[in-house]
Amino acid sequence: MFFKDIIGQEEIKKRLIHSVKSGQIAHAQLFCGPEGIGKLPLALAYARYIQCTNKGENDACGKCPSCKQFSSIMHPDVHFVFPIYKNEKKKKRLCADYMDEWRKCLSENEYFTLEHWLSYIDAENAQVSIYAEESKEIIRKISLKTYESDYKVMIIWLPELMNAVCANKLLKILEEPYEKTVFLLVSNQPDKILGTILSRSQRINMQSLPSEKISETLQRQYALEPKDADAIAHISNGNYIKALENIRLSDENNLFFDLFVRLMRLAYGRKIKELKAWSEEAAEMGREKEKRFLAYSQRMLRENYIYNFHIPEINYLNSQEEQFSTRFAPFIHERNIIPLMNELSKAESDISQNANGKIVFFDLAIKMIMLLKS
């Protein structure tokens, strides 16, 4: 990851680059802000620039031995700490035991969430932490002599998940830092970090990404049409990870869109027989997918109600949805929006409680008939 690969955050990039050029690198820096804005990628680009032995004016060279090692995530002077779960069966108790998975995760996409990381280590349902034992590894690694560079860099991802014992050991290191050792903490929830660690860290507050920056990146990297990229960026609300998820979920969204449109058209036409067939089809999706469809339907109703105000900047619809809404929105108004939302919410709750899907969806369809005509 280079500075040029980071989406937005231009002012912060300039400040970080200046800190390296001026030799004023704070020994502990905390990158914080909402999820999906590039905190970890920016910390990685910064670490690369610090370690690069042939720095450019605004970025690392990418060609020196240090940069090549960084590209393979095997730089001997850059260390990582991240949440894990203790897999006693495989004798995995420290971050070092998960480095293969960490390298794979970073090499595939530096923009990822904790949930994505847990899928790499098969820990979706496990409690994860940065355990007390990791503190010994942190102390050991930063006490080593440097191999390639002047600085040792320790990147700690999600320090808010650090065990209290480990956090207190880290505090001692931050109070008496080793010379030319840099800690880069990357946090989604800095308020959950030990207060004394916060007070000893230079805070770098990052903001949500502008929609136009996300759109430009989607067009460049995924060859999306400008209108589709703009719609996805708008829906993502400044979160690039969410934008990527919206692209990946396009097949499911297409299915949900088709089901929603058919439900509304059949209900408006009072076609009972076809609605019964629709409810049986919807009930075959499986419980979790059914719940996601009902959540999608609530979003569509909300967006169609807002569409009537003719304020595009507060509407979150892709081009296909917007085309449908130009005709459908007038049927969603003050008299029926709340009852419609309540029925969808109740159906979602019923499905969550293992109610029969066919009955829930057919009951919902009948109620749609009455409410759309109100």
Protein backbone atom coordinates (compact mmCIF):
# COMPACT_ATOMS: atom_id res chain seq x y z
CA MET A 1 0.00 0.00 0.00
CA PHE A 2 1.29 3.43 -1.03
CA PHE A 3 -0.05 6.90 -0.27
CA LYS A 4 -1.24 7.11 -3.89
CA ASP A 5 -3.48 4.08 -3.28
CA ILE A 6 -5.30 5.69 -0.35
CA ILE A 7 -8.74 7.03 -1.17
CA GLY A 8 -9.04 10.66 -0.09
CA GLN A 9 -7.50 11.83 3.23
CA GLU A 10 -5.21 14.23 1.35
CA GLU A 11 -4.50 16.63 4.23
CA ILE A 12 -3.56 13.80 6.60
CA LYS A 13 -1.26 12.29 3.95
CA LYS A 14 0.55 15.63 3.64
CA ARG A 15 1.01 15.86 7.42
CA LEU A 16 2.38 12.32 7.65
CA ILE A 17 4.77 12.85 4.75
CA HIS A 18 5.98 16.10 6.33
CA SER A 19 6.59 14.35 9.67
CA VAL A 20 8.97 11.91 7.96
CA LYS A 21 10.78 14.56 5.93
CA SER A 22 11.24 16.78 8.98
CA GLY A 23 12.29 13.89 11.23
CA GLN A 24 9.43 14.65 13.64
CA ILE A 25 7.82 11.22 13.79
CA ALA A 26 5.78 10.82 16.97
CA HIS A 27 6.62 7.58 18.77
CA ALA A 28 2.91 6.68 19.23
CA GLN A 29 0.16 7.66 16.80
CA LEU A 30 -3.50 6.70 16.89
CA PHE A 31 -5.42 6.51 13.59
CA CYS A 32 -9.11 6.65 14.45
CA GLY A 33 -12.46 7.24 12.79
CA PRO A 34 -15.41 5.33 11.30
CA GLU A 35 -15.00 1.93 9.70
CA GLY A 36 -14.19 1.70 6.00
CA ILE A 37 -12.33 5.00 5.58
CA GLY A 38 -8.81 3.62 5.14
CA LYS A 39 -7.21 3.86 8.60
CA LEU A 40 -5.19 0.65 8.31
CA PRO A 41 -4.20 1.28 4.64
CA LEU A 42 -2.99 4.76 5.62
CA ALA A 43 -0.98 3.37 8.55
CA LEU A 44 0.57 0.81 6.18
CA ALA A 45 1.45 3.48 3.60
CA TYR A 46 2.98 5.62 6.36
CA ALA A 47 5.03 2.71 7.70
CA ARG A 48 6.28 1.95 4.17
CA TYR A 49 7.30 5.59 3.67
CA ILE A 50 9.13 5.64 7.01
CA GLN A 51 11.07 2.50 6.08
CA CYS A 52 11.76 3.33 2.42
CA THR A 53 15.47 3.91 1.77
CA ASN A 54 14.90 5.87 -1.45
CA LYS A 55 11.91 8.07 -0.61
CA GLY A 56 10.17 10.08 -3.28
CA GLU A 57 8.74 13.53 -2.73
CA ASN A 58 5.28 12.22 -1.84
CA ASP A 59 5.56 8.43 -1.63
CA ALA A 60 7.79 5.43 -1.13
CA CYS A 61 9.84 4.33 -4.14
CA GLY A 62 8.47 0.78 -4.34
CA LYS A 63 11.82 -0.49 -5.65
CA CYS A 64 14.32 -0.47 -2.77
CA PRO A 65 14.89 -3.70 -0.77
CA SER A 66 12.81 -2.26 2.08
CA CYS A 67 9.81 -1.60 -0.18
CA LYS A 68 10.06 -5.06 -1.74
CA GLN A 69 10.02 -6.67 1.69
CA PHE A 70 7.11 -4.48 2.68
CA SER A 71 5.16 -5.55 -0.41
CA SER A 72 5.40 -9.18 0.69
CA ILE A 73 4.51 -8.13 4.27
CA MET A 74 7.79 -9.60 5.48
CA HIS A 75 9.76 -6.50 6.46
CA PRO A 76 11.91 -7.49 9.46
CA ASP A 77 11.48 -4.09 11.14
CA VAL A 78 7.69 -3.88 10.77
CA HIS A 79 5.61 -5.88 13.25
CA PHE A 80 1.87 -6.47 13.54
CA VAL A 81 -0.50 -7.03 16.42
CA PHE A 82 -4.17 -7.83 15.81
CA PRO A 83 -7.10 -9.64 17.46
CA ILE A 84 -6.99 -13.44 17.39
CA TYR A 85 -8.64 -16.35 19.10
CA LYS A 86 -6.70 -19.06 20.89
CA ASN A 87 -6.88 -22.23 18.85
CA GLU A 88 -5.42 -24.75 21.29
CA LYS A 89 -6.00 -27.61 18.87
CA LYS A 90 -3.65 -26.02 16.32
CA LYS A 91 -1.47 -24.45 19.05
CA LYS A 92 -2.18 -20.94 17.83
CA ARG A 93 -1.93 -18.54 20.76
CA LEU A 94 -0.10 -15.46 19.42
CA CYS A 95 -0.36 -13.10 16.46
CA ALA A 96 2.80 -14.64 15.02
CA ASP A 97 0.92 -17.95 14.71
CA TYR A 98 -1.58 -16.24 12.39
CA MET A 99 0.86 -14.34 10.18
CA ASP A 100 0.16 -16.45 7.08
CA GLU A 101 -3.53 -15.62 7.32
CA TRP A 102 -2.73 -11.95 8.04
CA ARG A 103 -0.50 -11.69 4.97
CA LYS A 104 -3.16 -13.30 2.80
CA CYS A 105 -5.84 -10.98 4.13
CA LEU A 106 -3.72 -7.86 3.54
CA SER A 107 -2.52 -8.98 0.13
CA GLU A 108 -6.10 -9.47 -1.11
CA ASN A 109 -7.48 -6.13 0.10
CA GLU A 110 -6.18 -3.69 2.72
CA TYR A 111 -9.72 -2.35 3.20
CA PHE A 112 -11.41 -4.95 5.42
CA THR A 113 -13.41 -5.28 8.64
CA LEU A 114 -13.01 -7.39 11.75
CA GLU A 115 -15.69 -9.73 10.35
CA HIS A 116 -13.63 -10.23 7.18
CA TRP A 117 -10.53 -10.96 9.25
CA LEU A 118 -12.40 -13.49 11.41
CA SER A 119 -13.40 -15.39 8.28
CA TYR A 120 -9.70 -15.81 7.41
CA ILE A 121 -8.96 -17.43 10.77
CA ASP A 122 -12.22 -19.45 10.94
CA ALA A 123 -13.33 -17.55 14.04
CA GLU A 124 -16.72 -16.14 12.99
CA ASN A 125 -18.37 -17.25 16.24
CA ALA A 126 -15.34 -17.00 18.53
CA GLN A 127 -14.46 -14.32 21.07
CA VAL A 128 -11.31 -12.57 19.88
CA SER A 129 -8.80 -10.45 21.73
CA ILE A 130 -5.21 -9.26 21.85
CA TYR A 131 -4.25 -11.47 24.76
CA ALA A 132 -2.00 -10.80 27.74
CA GLU A 133 0.67 -13.16 26.34
CA GLU A 134 1.09 -10.86 23.34
CA SER A 135 2.70 -8.21 25.55
CA LYS A 136 5.85 -10.32 25.88
CA GLU A 137 6.06 -10.62 22.10
CA ILE A 138 5.62 -6.87 21.68
CA ILE A 139 8.44 -6.15 24.13
CA ARG A 140 10.68 -8.77 22.54
CA LYS A 141 10.15 -7.49 19.00
CA ILE A 142 10.76 -3.82 19.72
CA SER A 143 13.91 -4.65 21.69
CA LEU A 144 15.47 -6.25 18.60
CA LYS A 145 18.04 -4.35 16.56
CA THR A 146 16.84 -3.03 13.23
CA TYR A 147 17.79 -4.99 10.12
CA GLU A 148 17.01 -2.80 7.13
CA SER A 149 15.89 0.59 8.39
CA ASP A 150 16.51 3.20 11.05
CA TYR A 151 13.08 2.68 12.62
CA LYS A 152 11.15 -0.20 14.12
CA VAL A 153 7.40 0.07 13.45
CA MET A 154 4.70 -1.73 15.42
CA ILE A 155 1.22 -1.60 13.87
CA ILE A 156 -1.54 -2.49 16.34
CA TRP A 157 -4.91 -3.02 14.66
CA LEU A 158 -7.99 -2.58 16.88
CA PRO A 159 -6.23 -1.89 20.20
CA GLU A 160 -9.68 -1.50 21.79
CA LEU A 161 -9.78 -5.32 21.83
CA MET A 162 -6.57 -5.54 23.84
CA ASN A 163 -6.58 -7.44 27.12
CA ALA A 164 -6.13 -5.14 30.16
CA VAL A 165 -2.84 -6.81 31.15
CA CYS A 166 -1.46 -6.36 27.65
CA ALA A 167 -2.68 -2.75 27.54
CA ASN A 168 -0.88 -1.91 30.77
CA LYS A 169 2.35 -3.46 29.50
CA LEU A 170 2.00 -1.39 26.33
CA LEU A 171 1.52 1.73 28.45
CA LYS A 172 4.88 1.18 30.12
CA ILE A 173 6.57 0.98 26.72
CA LEU A 174 4.86 4.17 25.57
CA GLU A 175 5.97 5.97 28.74
CA GLU A 176 9.60 4.98 28.15
CA PRO A 177 9.83 4.36 24.40
CA TYR A 178 12.81 2.78 22.72
CA GLU A 179 14.71 5.12 20.44
CA LYS A 180 13.38 5.23 16.86
CA THR A 181 10.46 2.95 17.65
CA VAL A 182 7.07 3.94 16.24
CA PHE A 183 3.72 2.56 17.39
CA LEU A 184 0.83 3.00 14.95
CA LEU A 185 -2.50 2.18 16.59
CA VAL A 186 -5.52 1.78 14.31
CA SER A 187 -8.87 2.01 16.08
CA ASN A 188 -12.59 2.05 15.26
CA GLN A 189 -13.54 2.80 18.88
CA PRO A 190 -10.82 4.87 20.59
CA ASP A 191 -13.10 5.57 23.57
CA LYS A 192 -12.61 1.92 24.57
CA ILE A 193 -8.81 2.21 24.71
CA LEU A 194 -7.05 2.69 28.06
CA GLY A 195 -7.14 6.42 28.79
CA THR A 196 -3.46 6.60 29.67
CA ILE A 197 -2.57 5.09 26.28
CA LEU A 198 -4.73 7.69 24.55
CA SER A 199 -3.00 10.50 26.42
CA ARG A 200 0.41 9.27 25.25
CA SER A 201 -0.59 8.90 21.60
CA GLN A 202 -0.79 11.57 18.91
CA ARG A 203 -4.35 11.33 17.68
CA ILE A 204 -5.06 11.36 13.93
CA ASN A 205 -8.79 11.82 13.41
CA MET A 206 -9.97 10.62 10.02
CA GLN A 207 -13.32 11.46 8.43
CA SER A 208 -15.78 9.56 6.24
CA LEU A 209 -14.83 9.56 2.57
CA PRO A 210 -16.46 11.98 0.11
CA SER A 211 -18.89 10.18 -2.21
CA GLU A 212 -17.13 11.52 -5.30
CA LYS A 213 -13.82 9.95 -4.19
CA ILE A 214 -15.47 6.56 -3.69
CA SER A 215 -17.22 6.88 -7.05
CA GLU A 216 -13.98 7.74 -8.86
CA THR A 217 -12.27 4.70 -7.30
CA LEU A 218 -15.12 2.35 -8.22
CA GLN A 219 -15.10 3.58 -11.82
CA ARG A 220 -11.33 3.18 -12.08
CA GLN A 221 -10.93 -0.16 -10.32
CA TYR A 222 -14.20 -1.92 -11.18
CA ALA A 223 -15.09 -0.29 -14.52
CA LEU A 224 -18.51 0.78 -13.26
CA GLU A 225 -20.59 3.25 -15.20
CA PRO A 226 -20.46 6.72 -13.59
CA LYS A 227 -24.16 6.69 -12.65
CA ASP A 228 -23.93 3.25 -11.00
CA ALA A 229 -20.70 4.19 -9.21
CA ASP A 230 -22.31 7.42 -7.96
CA ALA A 231 -25.33 5.50 -6.66
CA ILE A 232 -23.21 2.92 -4.83
CA ALA A 233 -20.98 5.64 -3.36
CA HIS A 234 -24.05 7.54 -2.19
CA ILE A 235 -25.58 4.47 -0.54
CA SER A 236 -22.25 3.63 1.13
CA ASN A 237 -22.31 6.88 3.11
CA GLY A 238 -18.54 7.48 3.13
CA ASN A 239 -17.57 3.85 3.82
CA TYR A 240 -15.46 2.28 1.05
CA ILE A 241 -15.78 -1.22 2.51
CA LYS A 242 -19.55 -0.88 2.38
CA ALA A 243 -19.24 0.24 -1.24
CA LEU A 244 -17.30 -2.93 -2.06
CA GLU A 245 -19.91 -5.02 -0.28
CA ASN A 246 -22.65 -3.31 -2.27
CA ILE A 247 -20.88 -4.37 -5.48
CA ARG A 248 -20.46 -7.95 -4.30
CA LEU A 249 -24.08 -8.13 -3.17
CA SER A 250 -25.42 -6.94 -6.50
CA ASP A 251 -26.75 -10.41 -7.42
CA GLU A 252 -28.65 -10.68 -4.15
CA ASN A 253 -29.87 -7.10 -4.47
CA ASN A 254 -31.15 -7.86 -7.97
CA LEU A 255 -33.11 -10.80 -6.55
CA PHE A 256 -34.52 -8.65 -3.74
CA PHE A 257 -35.37 -5.86 -6.17
CA ASP A 258 -37.26 -8.28 -8.41
CA LEU A 259 -39.18 -9.75 -5.44
CA PHE A 260 -40.03 -6.30 -4.10
CA VAL A 261 -41.25 -4.99 -7.48
CA ARG A 262 -43.40 -8.07 -8.09
CA LEU A 263 -44.88 -7.87 -4.59
CA MET A 264 -45.87 -4.24 -5.05
CA ARG A 265 -47.30 -4.73 -8.55
CA LEU A 266 -49.24 -7.85 -7.64
CA ALA A 267 -50.57 -6.25 -4.45
CA TYR A 268 -51.65 -3.13 -6.29
CA GLY A 269 -53.38 -5.32 -8.89
CA ARG A 270 -55.05 -7.39 -6.12
CA LYS A 271 -53.86 -10.63 -7.74
CA ILE A 272 -54.40 -13.04 -4.86
CA LYS A 273 -53.48 -16.25 -6.70
CA GLU A 274 -50.19 -14.78 -7.96
CA LEU A 275 -49.43 -13.36 -4.51
CA LYS A 276 -49.79 -16.83 -2.99
CA ALA A 277 -47.26 -18.16 -5.52
CA TRP A 278 -45.00 -15.17 -4.73
CA SER A 279 -45.14 -15.90 -0.99
CA GLU A 280 -44.18 -19.54 -1.57
CA GLU A 281 -41.23 -18.47 -3.72
CA ALA A 282 -40.06 -15.94 -1.12
CA ALA A 283 -40.30 -18.54 1.65
CA GLU A 284 -37.86 -20.83 -0.18
CA MET A 285 -34.92 -18.42 0.27
CA GLY A 286 -33.99 -19.53 3.78
CA ARG A 287 -34.49 -17.64 7.02
CA GLU A 288 -31.44 -15.34 6.93
CA LYS A 289 -32.03 -14.36 3.32
CA GLU A 290 -35.72 -13.77 4.06
CA LYS A 291 -34.75 -11.36 6.85
CA ARG A 292 -32.36 -9.51 4.56
CA PHE A 293 -35.09 -9.21 1.93
CA LEU A 294 -37.52 -7.72 4.46
CA ALA A 295 -34.82 -5.26 5.58
CA TYR A 296 -34.23 -4.38 1.93
CA SER A 297 -37.98 -3.83 1.43
CA GLN A 298 -38.09 -1.45 4.39
CA ARG A 299 -35.21 0.53 2.88
CA MET A 300 -36.99 0.69 -0.48
CA LEU A 301 -40.20 2.00 1.08
CA ARG A 302 -38.28 4.58 3.08
CA GLU A 303 -36.36 5.72 0.00
CA ASN A 304 -39.54 5.92 -2.10
CA TYR A 305 -41.22 8.05 0.53
CA ILE A 306 -38.21 10.40 0.56
CA TYR A 307 -38.14 10.38 -3.25
CA ASN A 308 -41.36 12.40 -3.21
CA PHE A 309 -39.50 15.35 -1.67
CA HIS A 310 -37.32 15.67 -4.81
CA ILE A 311 -34.07 16.16 -2.89
CA PRO A 312 -31.59 13.80 -4.67
CA GLU A 313 -28.79 14.24 -2.14
CA ILE A 314 -30.82 12.52 0.60
CA ASN A 315 -31.95 9.60 -1.59
CA TYR A 316 -29.98 6.35 -1.64
CA LEU A 317 -31.09 4.44 -4.75
CA ASN A 318 -29.14 2.80 -7.55
CA SER A 319 -30.11 3.53 -11.15
CA GLN A 320 -32.39 0.48 -11.44
CA GLU A 321 -34.20 1.29 -8.20
CA GLU A 322 -34.55 4.94 -9.11
CA GLN A 323 -36.10 4.09 -12.47
CA PHE A 324 -38.77 2.03 -10.67
CA SER A 325 -39.28 4.72 -8.03
CA THR A 326 -40.18 7.40 -10.55
CA ARG A 327 -43.49 5.57 -11.03
CA PHE A 328 -43.91 3.87 -7.66
CA ALA A 329 -43.02 6.67 -5.19
CA PRO A 330 -46.37 8.52 -5.46
CA PHE A 331 -48.09 5.48 -3.92
CA ILE A 332 -45.97 5.82 -0.72
CA HIS A 333 -47.15 8.79 1.32
CA GLU A 334 -47.96 10.11 4.81
CA ARG A 335 -51.09 7.95 5.17
CA ASN A 336 -49.46 4.57 4.57
CA ILE A 337 -45.69 4.80 5.11
CA ILE A 338 -45.80 4.04 8.85
CA PRO A 339 -48.32 1.12 8.59
CA LEU A 340 -46.31 -0.34 5.67
CA MET A 341 -43.05 -0.14 7.61
CA ASN A 342 -44.69 -1.65 10.68
CA GLU A 343 -45.97 -4.65 8.71
CA LEU A 344 -42.53 -5.31 7.17
CA SER A 345 -40.85 -4.95 10.55
CA LYS A 346 -43.38 -7.35 12.11
CA ALA A 347 -42.79 -9.88 9.30
CA GLU A 348 -39.03 -9.65 9.88
CA SER A 349 -39.57 -10.23 13.61
CA ASP A 350 -41.85 -13.22 12.92
CA ILE A 351 -39.29 -14.80 10.59
CA SER A 352 -36.61 -14.30 13.26
CA GLN A 353 -38.80 -16.23 15.69
CA ASN A 354 -39.08 -19.20 13.31
CA ALA A 355 -42.60 -18.51 12.08
CA ASN A 356 -43.72 -20.32 8.91
CA GLY A 357 -42.35 -18.30 5.99
CA LYS A 358 -45.23 -19.06 3.60
CA ILE A 359 -47.81 -17.86 6.11
CA VAL A 360 -45.80 -14.74 7.05
CA PHE A 361 -45.22 -13.68 3.44
CA PHE A 362 -48.79 -14.36 2.28
CA ASP A 363 -50.19 -12.44 5.27
CA LEU A 364 -47.79 -9.60 4.43
CA ALA A 365 -48.89 -9.62 0.77
CA ILE A 366 -52.58 -9.36 1.69
CA LYS A 367 -51.87 -6.42 3.97
CA MET A 368 -49.89 -4.73 1.17
CA ILE A 369 -53.08 -4.78 -0.94
CA MET A 370 -54.99 -2.77 1.64
CA LEU A 371 -52.20 -0.35 2.51
CA LEU A 372 -51.19 0.51 -1.05
CA LYS A 373 -54.79 1.49 -1.79
CA SER A 374 -55.17 3.60 1.35
